[in-house]
Amino acid sequence: MAYIDGSNPEPARTSDVWHTWFLEDNQVKTWIVNSVSAEIQPLILRKKTARDMWVVLEQMYGQKKTAIRTYQVMKTVYNLRQGNSSVAEYYGALKAKWEELDYQSNIPWHCPQDQALYIAQKWENRVFLFLAGLNDEFEGVRSQILNSGEVSSIEDVYSVVEAEEQRRLVTNESKRDLGLSHERSALVSRGPGGLARPPRRCTHCKKTGHTIGYCWDLYPDKKGNRGRSSSGKTPEPEAPKSSGEKLSISADQLRELLEYVVVGTGSISGPGSMGRGYRGGL
């Protein structure tokens, strides 16, 4: 206390005890910085001595301002909700406010039993506050905790809720991956441009569901096995029967056909291979 109440001021730098005092004062400064919240630390970090730090804190949290600050913290605690925060972030924000309230509350207890009962009741109420601020997606685990008959510690309750959050994250990722898999399967079954493939259509009987190679009108013997041979394998489609007639084509027709092919590809070259007007490309 001597370093913060001013009863042990800084000695002269030429004194033999100055180095010891400097080390001890810096140790007290470290304790003070580690004892305040992150929002308050920048206000005292540049102070020269522990006494200077303590004066700033006295001005901020003096007896006259304790009631106002307690009201502000209590209001924040009762209005705090999880919202878009994770369970860990929400719990951390609540815990920081609870620590500040405990720091400001300095009740001189005369009965240890009453003090223990008060502390137990205080933390039970904080469990209820934590559960009340959770998002609706945790209604199931919230009801499970409240219906258990005995209120667990805040650490145990947080652990259960945080585990439920992780389970939901894993489940949602699995559902998202399954949805992408179904979407890819649907795209595979579609043709170019995302359009569904047209149904098979027989060019002989004009019916859908089969091709000419499996048409029962042309191949009635396939009707009994419904497209399967006695061995259980799907037979290869038979080629349409040839009429036996030979294809005849004149020299002029052949020349016109070659010219048509060259115009479409432009890749045939060589003397005598082209018809009229061809000079190695168009």
Protein backbone atom coordinates (compact mmCIF):
# COMPACT_ATOMS: atom_id res chain seq x y z
CA MET A 1 0.00 0.00 0.00
CA ALA A 2 2.93 2.35 0.60
CA TYR A 3 3.55 2.63 -3.14
CA ILE A 4 -0.02 3.68 -3.98
CA ASP A 5 -1.06 5.82 -1.01
CA GLY A 6 1.98 8.09 -1.25
CA SER A 7 3.62 7.04 2.02
CA ASN A 8 6.67 5.70 0.17
CA PRO A 9 7.53 8.38 -2.40
CA GLU A 10 10.30 8.14 -4.95
CA PRO A 11 13.74 8.78 -3.37
CA ALA A 12 16.47 10.78 -5.04
CA ARG A 13 18.08 9.04 -8.00
CA THR A 14 21.48 9.40 -6.31
CA SER A 15 20.21 7.49 -3.28
CA ASP A 16 21.40 3.93 -2.65
CA VAL A 17 17.80 2.71 -2.27
CA TRP A 18 16.48 4.26 -5.48
CA HIS A 19 17.18 1.19 -7.64
CA THR A 20 15.35 -1.10 -5.20
CA TRP A 21 12.43 1.32 -4.94
CA PHE A 22 12.25 1.58 -8.75
CA LEU A 23 12.03 -2.20 -9.18
CA GLU A 24 9.37 -2.60 -6.51
CA ASP A 25 7.30 0.31 -7.82
CA ASN A 26 7.35 -1.17 -11.32
CA GLN A 27 6.16 -4.47 -9.89
CA VAL A 28 3.18 -2.69 -8.31
CA LYS A 29 2.48 -0.92 -11.61
CA THR A 30 2.38 -4.31 -13.34
CA TRP A 31 -0.12 -5.61 -10.79
CA ILE A 32 -2.35 -2.59 -11.31
CA VAL A 33 -2.31 -2.86 -15.10
CA ASN A 34 -3.15 -6.56 -14.97
CA SER A 35 -6.01 -5.89 -12.57
CA VAL A 36 -7.98 -3.48 -14.75
CA SER A 37 -9.91 -4.15 -17.95
CA ALA A 38 -8.39 -3.70 -21.40
CA GLU A 39 -10.42 -0.52 -21.94
CA ILE A 40 -8.85 1.16 -18.88
CA GLN A 41 -5.23 0.09 -19.43
CA PRO A 42 -4.38 2.77 -22.05
CA LEU A 43 -5.40 5.47 -19.55
CA ILE A 44 -2.77 4.48 -16.99
CA LEU A 45 0.05 2.81 -18.94
CA ARG A 46 2.05 6.02 -19.41
CA LYS A 47 1.94 7.04 -15.76
CA LYS A 48 5.35 7.33 -14.13
CA THR A 49 4.70 5.68 -10.76
CA ALA A 50 2.21 3.33 -9.17
CA ARG A 51 0.90 6.25 -7.13
CA ASP A 52 0.14 8.19 -10.33
CA MET A 53 -1.80 5.21 -11.69
CA TRP A 54 -3.77 4.91 -8.48
CA VAL A 55 -4.75 8.58 -8.53
CA VAL A 56 -6.25 8.15 -12.02
CA LEU A 57 -8.24 5.13 -10.88
CA GLU A 58 -9.44 6.97 -7.79
CA GLN A 59 -10.73 9.78 -9.97
CA MET A 60 -12.53 7.32 -12.25
CA TYR A 61 -13.94 4.97 -9.60
CA GLY A 62 -14.12 7.16 -6.53
CA GLN A 63 -16.91 6.73 -4.00
CA LYS A 64 -18.97 9.47 -5.65
CA LYS A 65 -18.95 7.67 -9.01
CA THR A 66 -19.37 4.10 -7.77
CA ALA A 67 -23.17 4.19 -7.88
CA ILE A 68 -23.23 5.58 -11.43
CA ARG A 69 -20.73 3.04 -12.72
CA THR A 70 -22.50 0.16 -10.97
CA TYR A 71 -25.77 1.21 -12.58
CA GLN A 72 -24.14 1.35 -16.02
CA VAL A 73 -22.57 -2.08 -15.67
CA MET A 74 -25.75 -3.65 -14.30
CA LYS A 75 -27.76 -2.18 -17.17
CA THR A 76 -25.28 -3.57 -19.69
CA VAL A 77 -25.39 -7.02 -18.09
CA TYR A 78 -29.19 -7.26 -18.11
CA ASN A 79 -29.46 -6.02 -21.70
CA LEU A 80 -26.63 -8.11 -23.12
CA ARG A 81 -27.65 -10.67 -25.74
CA GLN A 82 -25.64 -13.11 -27.85
CA GLY A 83 -26.79 -11.78 -31.22
CA ASN A 84 -24.16 -12.38 -33.91
CA SER A 85 -21.45 -13.24 -31.38
CA SER A 86 -20.21 -16.74 -30.72
CA VAL A 87 -20.98 -18.39 -27.39
CA ALA A 88 -17.38 -17.77 -26.27
CA GLU A 89 -17.53 -14.07 -27.16
CA TYR A 90 -20.90 -13.63 -25.45
CA TYR A 91 -19.72 -15.42 -22.30
CA GLY A 92 -16.48 -13.42 -22.24
CA ALA A 93 -18.38 -10.11 -22.40
CA LEU A 94 -20.63 -11.14 -19.52
CA LYS A 95 -17.73 -12.36 -17.42
CA ALA A 96 -15.83 -9.09 -17.83
CA LYS A 97 -18.82 -7.14 -16.50
CA TRP A 98 -19.30 -9.56 -13.62
CA GLU A 99 -15.67 -9.13 -12.59
CA GLU A 100 -16.10 -5.36 -12.59
CA LEU A 101 -19.20 -5.64 -10.41
CA ASP A 102 -17.36 -7.91 -7.97
CA TYR A 103 -14.52 -5.40 -7.80
CA GLN A 104 -16.89 -2.56 -6.94
CA SER A 105 -18.85 -4.62 -4.42
CA ASN A 106 -16.91 -4.65 -1.15
CA ILE A 107 -19.32 -5.96 1.47
CA PRO A 108 -17.79 -6.48 4.95
CA TRP A 109 -19.14 -9.94 5.82
CA HIS A 110 -19.28 -10.95 9.48
CA CYS A 111 -20.69 -14.45 8.95
CA PRO A 112 -18.79 -16.78 6.58
CA GLN A 113 -21.87 -18.99 6.13
CA ASP A 114 -23.99 -16.07 4.94
CA GLN A 115 -21.20 -14.98 2.62
CA ALA A 116 -21.04 -18.46 1.06
CA LEU A 117 -24.83 -18.53 0.58
CA TYR A 118 -24.78 -15.09 -1.01
CA ILE A 119 -22.01 -16.02 -3.44
CA ALA A 120 -23.80 -19.24 -4.43
CA GLN A 121 -27.05 -17.35 -5.06
CA LYS A 122 -25.21 -14.67 -7.03
CA TRP A 123 -23.67 -17.17 -9.42
CA GLU A 124 -26.94 -19.04 -9.83
CA ASN A 125 -28.55 -15.80 -10.97
CA ARG A 126 -25.66 -15.28 -13.38
CA VAL A 127 -26.32 -18.71 -14.89
CA PHE A 128 -29.91 -17.61 -15.56
CA LEU A 129 -28.69 -14.37 -17.14
CA PHE A 130 -26.30 -16.27 -19.39
CA LEU A 131 -29.01 -18.67 -20.54
CA ALA A 132 -31.55 -15.89 -21.07
CA GLY A 133 -29.25 -14.03 -23.46
CA LEU A 134 -28.58 -17.01 -25.73
CA ASN A 135 -30.09 -17.13 -29.21
CA ASP A 136 -33.28 -19.12 -29.81
CA GLU A 137 -31.33 -21.88 -31.56
CA PHE A 138 -30.13 -23.00 -28.12
CA GLU A 139 -33.65 -23.40 -26.73
CA GLY A 140 -33.23 -27.18 -26.57
CA VAL A 141 -30.06 -27.19 -24.50
CA ARG A 142 -31.39 -24.29 -22.40
CA SER A 143 -34.51 -26.28 -21.48
CA GLN A 144 -32.38 -29.33 -20.74
CA ILE A 145 -30.24 -27.37 -18.26
CA LEU A 146 -33.20 -25.73 -16.54
CA ASN A 147 -35.11 -29.02 -16.25
CA SER A 148 -32.17 -30.90 -14.76
CA GLY A 149 -33.37 -30.04 -11.25
CA GLU A 150 -30.09 -28.63 -9.96
CA VAL A 151 -28.39 -25.58 -11.41
CA SER A 152 -24.81 -26.36 -12.38
CA SER A 153 -21.89 -23.96 -12.11
CA ILE A 154 -21.48 -21.28 -14.74
CA GLU A 155 -18.39 -23.06 -16.07
CA ASP A 156 -20.27 -26.34 -16.57
CA VAL A 157 -23.23 -24.60 -18.19
CA TYR A 158 -20.96 -22.72 -20.58
CA SER A 159 -19.19 -25.96 -21.49
CA VAL A 160 -22.50 -27.66 -22.38
CA VAL A 161 -23.72 -24.74 -24.49
CA GLU A 162 -20.39 -24.34 -26.28
CA ALA A 163 -20.37 -28.06 -27.12
CA GLU A 164 -23.87 -27.70 -28.61
CA GLU A 165 -22.64 -24.79 -30.72
CA GLN A 166 -19.77 -26.89 -32.09
CA ARG A 167 -22.15 -29.77 -32.84
CA ARG A 168 -24.41 -27.43 -34.80
CA LEU A 169 -21.49 -26.08 -36.79
CA VAL A 170 -20.39 -29.58 -37.78
CA THR A 171 -23.96 -30.58 -38.68
CA ASN A 172 -24.49 -27.49 -40.81
CA GLU A 173 -21.22 -28.10 -42.66
CA SER A 174 -22.27 -31.69 -43.38
CA LYS A 175 -25.65 -30.55 -44.70
CA ARG A 176 -23.99 -27.93 -46.87
CA ASP A 177 -21.57 -30.49 -48.32
CA LEU A 178 -24.47 -32.89 -48.98
CA GLY A 179 -26.39 -30.14 -50.76
CA LEU A 180 -23.41 -29.36 -52.98
CA SER A 181 -23.06 -33.07 -53.79
CA HIS A 182 -26.72 -33.27 -54.84
CA GLU A 183 -26.32 -30.14 -56.92
CA ARG A 184 -23.30 -31.59 -58.71
CA SER A 185 -25.20 -34.82 -59.36
CA ALA A 186 -28.06 -32.86 -60.86
CA LEU A 187 -25.67 -30.97 -63.13
CA VAL A 188 -24.08 -34.22 -64.31
CA SER A 189 -27.48 -35.54 -65.37
CA ARG A 190 -28.06 -32.46 -67.50
CA GLY A 191 -26.71 -31.62 -70.89
CA PRO A 192 -24.81 -28.53 -72.07
CA GLY A 193 -26.23 -25.27 -70.77
CA GLY A 194 -27.82 -26.97 -67.75
CA LEU A 195 -30.74 -28.34 -69.80
CA ALA A 196 -32.11 -31.79 -69.06
CA ARG A 197 -31.20 -34.50 -71.52
CA PRO A 198 -34.03 -35.32 -73.94
CA PRO A 199 -35.67 -38.72 -73.48
CA ARG A 200 -34.75 -41.57 -75.80
CA ARG A 201 -37.07 -41.78 -78.79
CA CYS A 202 -37.45 -44.58 -81.33
CA THR A 203 -37.24 -43.36 -84.91
CA HIS A 204 -39.36 -46.30 -86.09
CA CYS A 205 -42.43 -46.36 -83.82
CA LYS A 206 -41.97 -42.75 -82.61
CA LYS A 207 -42.35 -43.84 -78.97
CA THR A 208 -40.11 -42.67 -76.11
CA GLY A 209 -38.15 -44.78 -73.66
CA HIS A 210 -36.13 -46.80 -76.17
CA THR A 211 -34.16 -46.54 -79.38
CA ILE A 212 -34.66 -48.32 -82.67
CA GLY A 213 -32.18 -51.02 -81.66
CA TYR A 214 -34.56 -52.12 -78.88
CA CYS A 215 -37.89 -51.54 -80.65
CA TRP A 216 -40.28 -54.42 -79.98
CA ASP A 217 -42.02 -53.82 -83.31
CA LEU A 218 -38.81 -54.64 -85.15
CA TYR A 219 -37.47 -57.17 -82.64
CA PRO A 220 -40.44 -58.90 -80.95
CA ASP A 221 -38.12 -61.54 -79.48
CA LYS A 222 -36.76 -58.88 -77.07
CA LYS A 223 -40.18 -58.22 -75.57
CA GLY A 224 -40.04 -61.30 -73.37
CA ASN A 225 -36.73 -60.51 -71.67
CA ARG A 226 -37.32 -56.74 -71.59
CA GLY A 227 -34.02 -55.88 -73.13
CA ARG A 228 -31.95 -58.62 -71.48
CA SER A 229 -30.62 -61.87 -72.87
CA SER A 230 -30.82 -65.21 -71.11
CA SER A 231 -27.36 -64.57 -69.68
CA GLY A 232 -28.63 -61.44 -67.88
CA LYS A 233 -26.58 -59.05 -70.02
CA THR A 234 -28.05 -56.27 -72.04
CA PRO A 235 -27.69 -57.21 -75.72
CA GLU A 236 -26.02 -54.89 -78.15
CA PRO A 237 -28.46 -53.11 -80.46
CA GLU A 238 -28.68 -54.73 -83.84
CA ALA A 239 -27.93 -52.70 -86.92
CA PRO A 240 -30.87 -52.11 -89.25
CA LYS A 241 -31.11 -54.84 -91.90
CA SER A 242 -29.62 -53.95 -95.25
CA SER A 243 -31.84 -54.06 -98.28
CA GLY A 244 -28.96 -55.49 -100.33
CA GLU A 245 -29.14 -52.69 -102.83
CA LYS A 246 -25.89 -51.02 -103.87
CA LEU A 247 -25.48 -47.27 -103.72
CA SER A 248 -24.81 -45.76 -107.14
CA ILE A 249 -23.34 -42.27 -107.65
CA SER A 250 -22.24 -40.48 -110.77
CA ALA A 251 -18.88 -38.78 -111.33
CA ASP A 252 -20.49 -35.32 -111.24
CA GLN A 253 -22.21 -36.10 -107.95
CA LEU A 254 -18.92 -37.36 -106.50
CA ARG A 255 -17.11 -34.18 -107.58
CA GLU A 256 -19.82 -31.98 -106.04
CA LEU A 257 -19.64 -34.00 -102.84
CA LEU A 258 -15.87 -33.51 -102.62
CA GLU A 259 -16.22 -29.79 -103.22
CA TYR A 260 -18.80 -29.61 -100.42
CA VAL A 261 -16.46 -31.41 -98.01
CA VAL A 262 -13.54 -29.11 -98.91
CA VAL A 263 -15.63 -25.99 -98.37
CA GLY A 264 -16.62 -27.28 -94.93
CA THR A 265 -13.11 -28.24 -93.78
CA GLY A 266 -10.58 -26.51 -96.05
CA SER A 267 -8.03 -29.21 -95.15
CA ILE A 268 -7.69 -31.36 -98.32
CA SER A 269 -4.81 -30.44 -100.63
CA GLY A 270 -2.86 -31.98 -103.44
CA PRO A 271 -3.06 -31.99 -107.19
CA GLY A 272 -6.12 -33.53 -108.69
CA SER A 273 -7.84 -33.91 -105.34
CA MET A 274 -10.15 -30.93 -105.76
CA GLY A 275 -12.69 -29.79 -108.23
CA ARG A 276 -13.11 -26.50 -109.94
CA GLY A 277 -11.48 -23.32 -108.62
CA TYR A 278 -9.46 -24.91 -105.72
CA ARG A 279 -5.96 -23.55 -105.17
CA GLY A 280 -4.75 -25.01 -101.87
CA GLY A 281 -7.46 -23.39 -99.70
CA LEU A 282 -10.36 -21.00 -99.68
